[in-house]
Amino acid sequence: VPLEARLDFASAVRRADVLLSHLECVPSTASRARGYGKPMVVVCHNTHLPTFRHMAAGQTALAVYNSLWMQAEA
């Protein structure tokens, strides 16, 4: 659920078993995952610091890399 959708993201997180995120939504999703104790899956498209730093913040249960060079960077 993108934050820009203005939906009740917190309510959706509480009902979820796992959170899935990518790109610009990773920082906010990582924060919610930590806050609600939910595992997070991240689809990694690049190693840009804002996305990659939050992906590696400890709550990521699974990282899906879109290329071998991305996997090597991890």
N, C-alpha and C. Protein backbone atom coordinates (compact mmCIF):
# COMPACT_ATOMS: atom_id res chain seq x y z
N VAL A 1 0.86 -1.17 0.00
CA VAL A 1 0.00 0.00 0.00
C VAL A 1 0.90 1.23 0.00
N PRO A 2 1.00 1.93 -1.10
CA PRO A 2 1.83 3.15 -1.11
C PRO A 2 1.28 4.19 -0.14
N LEU A 3 2.16 4.88 0.54
CA LEU A 3 1.71 5.92 1.47
C LEU A 3 0.91 6.99 0.75
N GLU A 4 1.23 7.24 -0.52
CA GLU A 4 0.52 8.26 -1.29
C GLU A 4 -0.94 7.89 -1.53
N ALA A 5 -1.29 6.64 -1.36
CA ALA A 5 -2.67 6.20 -1.57
C ALA A 5 -3.59 6.73 -0.48
N ARG A 6 -3.01 7.22 0.60
CA ARG A 6 -3.76 7.78 1.73
C ARG A 6 -4.73 6.77 2.34
N LEU A 7 -4.39 5.50 2.25
CA LEU A 7 -5.18 4.45 2.88
C LEU A 7 -4.66 4.22 4.29
N ASP A 8 -5.38 3.48 5.07
CA ASP A 8 -4.98 3.21 6.45
C ASP A 8 -3.89 2.14 6.45
N PHE A 9 -2.66 2.56 6.20
CA PHE A 9 -1.52 1.65 6.09
C PHE A 9 -1.31 0.90 7.39
N ALA A 10 -1.42 1.57 8.52
CA ALA A 10 -1.20 0.92 9.81
C ALA A 10 -2.19 -0.22 10.03
N SER A 11 -3.42 -0.02 9.64
CA SER A 11 -4.43 -1.07 9.77
C SER A 11 -4.09 -2.27 8.88
N ALA A 12 -3.63 -1.99 7.67
CA ALA A 12 -3.24 -3.06 6.75
C ALA A 12 -2.04 -3.83 7.30
N VAL A 13 -1.10 -3.12 7.92
CA VAL A 13 0.09 -3.76 8.50
C VAL A 13 -0.31 -4.68 9.65
N ARG A 14 -1.20 -4.23 10.49
CA ARG A 14 -1.64 -5.05 11.63
C ARG A 14 -2.26 -6.37 11.17
N ARG A 15 -2.97 -6.36 10.05
CA ARG A 15 -3.63 -7.57 9.55
C ARG A 15 -2.70 -8.46 8.73
N ALA A 16 -1.56 -7.93 8.30
CA ALA A 16 -0.67 -8.66 7.39
C ALA A 16 0.18 -9.70 8.11
N ASP A 17 0.52 -10.75 7.40
CA ASP A 17 1.47 -11.74 7.90
C ASP A 17 2.89 -11.33 7.57
N VAL A 18 3.07 -10.66 6.44
CA VAL A 18 4.38 -10.23 5.97
C VAL A 18 4.19 -8.95 5.15
N LEU A 19 5.19 -8.07 5.16
CA LEU A 19 5.14 -6.85 4.37
C LEU A 19 6.07 -7.00 3.17
N LEU A 20 5.64 -6.52 2.02
CA LEU A 20 6.40 -6.58 0.78
C LEU A 20 6.61 -5.16 0.28
N SER A 21 7.86 -4.84 -0.08
CA SER A 21 8.14 -3.48 -0.51
C SER A 21 9.26 -3.43 -1.53
N HIS A 22 9.38 -2.28 -2.18
CA HIS A 22 10.49 -2.03 -3.09
C HIS A 22 10.62 -0.53 -3.32
N LEU A 23 11.77 -0.15 -3.83
CA LEU A 23 12.10 1.23 -4.20
C LEU A 23 11.80 2.22 -3.08
N GLU A 24 11.08 3.30 -3.41
CA GLU A 24 10.93 4.40 -2.45
C GLU A 24 10.06 4.05 -1.25
N CYS A 25 9.36 2.93 -1.28
CA CYS A 25 8.51 2.55 -0.15
C CYS A 25 9.26 1.75 0.92
N VAL A 26 10.52 1.36 0.64
CA VAL A 26 11.27 0.52 1.58
C VAL A 26 11.47 1.21 2.94
N PRO A 27 11.91 2.48 2.99
CA PRO A 27 12.13 3.09 4.32
C PRO A 27 10.89 3.09 5.21
N SER A 28 9.75 3.51 4.66
CA SER A 28 8.54 3.57 5.49
C SER A 28 8.04 2.17 5.83
N THR A 29 8.16 1.23 4.91
CA THR A 29 7.73 -0.14 5.18
C THR A 29 8.63 -0.79 6.22
N ALA A 30 9.94 -0.55 6.13
CA ALA A 30 10.88 -1.09 7.12
C ALA A 30 10.55 -0.57 8.52
N SER A 31 10.21 0.70 8.60
CA SER A 31 9.85 1.29 9.89
C SER A 31 8.60 0.62 10.46
N ARG A 32 7.60 0.43 9.62
CA ARG A 32 6.37 -0.22 10.08
C ARG A 32 6.63 -1.68 10.45
N ALA A 33 7.45 -2.36 9.67
CA ALA A 33 7.77 -3.76 9.98
C ALA A 33 8.43 -3.87 11.34
N ARG A 34 9.38 -2.98 11.62
CA ARG A 34 10.03 -2.99 12.94
C ARG A 34 9.03 -2.67 14.03
N GLY A 35 8.22 -1.65 13.81
CA GLY A 35 7.26 -1.21 14.82
C GLY A 35 6.20 -2.25 15.15
N TYR A 36 5.77 -2.99 14.15
CA TYR A 36 4.72 -3.98 14.36
C TYR A 36 5.25 -5.41 14.46
N GLY A 37 6.58 -5.57 14.39
CA GLY A 37 7.17 -6.90 14.52
C GLY A 37 6.81 -7.84 13.39
N LYS A 38 6.71 -7.30 12.18
CA LYS A 38 6.34 -8.11 11.02
C LYS A 38 7.57 -8.38 10.16
N PRO A 39 7.68 -9.57 9.58
CA PRO A 39 8.77 -9.82 8.63
C PRO A 39 8.53 -9.02 7.35
N MET A 40 9.61 -8.68 6.67
CA MET A 40 9.50 -7.87 5.46
C MET A 40 10.27 -8.53 4.32
N VAL A 41 9.68 -8.50 3.14
CA VAL A 41 10.31 -8.96 1.91
C VAL A 41 10.58 -7.73 1.06
N VAL A 42 11.82 -7.61 0.56
CA VAL A 42 12.19 -6.45 -0.26
C VAL A 42 12.63 -6.93 -1.63
N VAL A 43 12.05 -6.35 -2.67
CA VAL A 43 12.51 -6.57 -4.04
C VAL A 43 13.55 -5.48 -4.31
N CYS A 44 14.79 -5.89 -4.53
CA CYS A 44 15.91 -4.95 -4.68
C CYS A 44 16.20 -4.69 -6.15
N HIS A 45 16.07 -3.42 -6.53
CA HIS A 45 16.31 -3.02 -7.92
C HIS A 45 17.66 -2.33 -8.09
N ASN A 46 18.20 -1.79 -7.00
CA ASN A 46 19.45 -1.04 -7.10
C ASN A 46 20.11 -0.98 -5.73
N THR A 47 21.30 -0.40 -5.68
CA THR A 47 22.02 -0.27 -4.40
C THR A 47 22.05 1.17 -3.92
N HIS A 48 21.10 1.99 -4.34
CA HIS A 48 21.06 3.37 -3.86
C HIS A 48 20.87 3.36 -2.35
N LEU A 49 21.64 4.16 -1.67
CA LEU A 49 21.72 4.11 -0.21
C LEU A 49 20.37 4.19 0.50
N PRO A 50 19.47 5.11 0.15
CA PRO A 50 18.22 5.18 0.92
C PRO A 50 17.44 3.87 0.93
N THR A 51 17.40 3.19 -0.20
CA THR A 51 16.68 1.92 -0.28
C THR A 51 17.49 0.79 0.34
N PHE A 52 18.75 0.69 -0.03
CA PHE A 52 19.58 -0.44 0.38
C PHE A 52 19.85 -0.43 1.88
N ARG A 53 20.03 0.75 2.46
CA ARG A 53 20.29 0.85 3.90
C ARG A 53 19.11 0.30 4.70
N HIS A 54 17.90 0.66 4.32
CA HIS A 54 16.73 0.20 5.04
C HIS A 54 16.46 -1.29 4.79
N MET A 55 16.84 -1.76 3.60
CA MET A 55 16.67 -3.17 3.30
C MET A 55 17.53 -4.01 4.24
N ALA A 56 18.69 -3.49 4.61
CA ALA A 56 19.63 -4.22 5.46
C ALA A 56 19.49 -3.88 6.93
N ALA A 57 18.40 -3.26 7.33
CA ALA A 57 18.25 -2.76 8.69
C ALA A 57 17.89 -3.84 9.71
N GLY A 58 17.77 -5.09 9.29
CA GLY A 58 17.55 -6.15 10.26
C GLY A 58 16.17 -6.76 10.26
N GLN A 59 15.19 -6.12 9.68
CA GLN A 59 13.83 -6.66 9.67
C GLN A 59 13.54 -7.43 8.39
N THR A 60 14.43 -7.38 7.41
CA THR A 60 14.19 -8.04 6.13
C THR A 60 14.34 -9.55 6.27
N ALA A 61 13.25 -10.26 6.05
CA ALA A 61 13.26 -11.72 6.13
C ALA A 61 13.74 -12.33 4.81
N LEU A 62 13.49 -11.62 3.71
CA LEU A 62 13.87 -12.12 2.39
C LEU A 62 14.16 -10.93 1.49
N ALA A 63 15.31 -10.96 0.83
CA ALA A 63 15.66 -9.95 -0.17
C ALA A 63 15.70 -10.64 -1.53
N VAL A 64 14.94 -10.11 -2.47
CA VAL A 64 14.89 -10.66 -3.82
C VAL A 64 15.65 -9.70 -4.73
N TYR A 65 16.76 -10.17 -5.29
CA TYR A 65 17.61 -9.33 -6.14
C TYR A 65 17.24 -9.55 -7.60
N ASN A 66 17.21 -8.46 -8.37
CA ASN A 66 16.82 -8.57 -9.77
C ASN A 66 17.99 -8.88 -10.69
N SER A 67 19.19 -9.06 -10.14
CA SER A 67 20.35 -9.37 -10.98
C SER A 67 21.47 -9.96 -10.12
N LEU A 68 22.43 -10.58 -10.78
CA LEU A 68 23.57 -11.16 -10.06
C LEU A 68 24.45 -10.08 -9.45
N TRP A 69 24.60 -8.91 -10.13
CA TRP A 69 25.44 -7.86 -9.56
C TRP A 69 24.81 -7.31 -8.28
N MET A 70 23.48 -7.28 -8.22
CA MET A 70 22.82 -6.84 -6.98
C MET A 70 23.12 -7.83 -5.85
N GLN A 71 23.05 -9.10 -6.15
CA GLN A 71 23.34 -10.12 -5.15
C GLN A 71 24.78 -9.98 -4.65
N ALA A 72 25.70 -9.69 -5.55
CA ALA A 72 27.11 -9.53 -5.17
C ALA A 72 27.31 -8.32 -4.26
N GLU A 73 26.55 -7.25 -4.47
CA GLU A 73 26.66 -6.05 -3.65
C GLU A 73 26.18 -6.30 -2.22
N ALA A 74 25.25 -7.22 -2.06
CA ALA A 74 24.69 -7.48 -0.74
C ALA A 74 25.71 -8.17 0.13
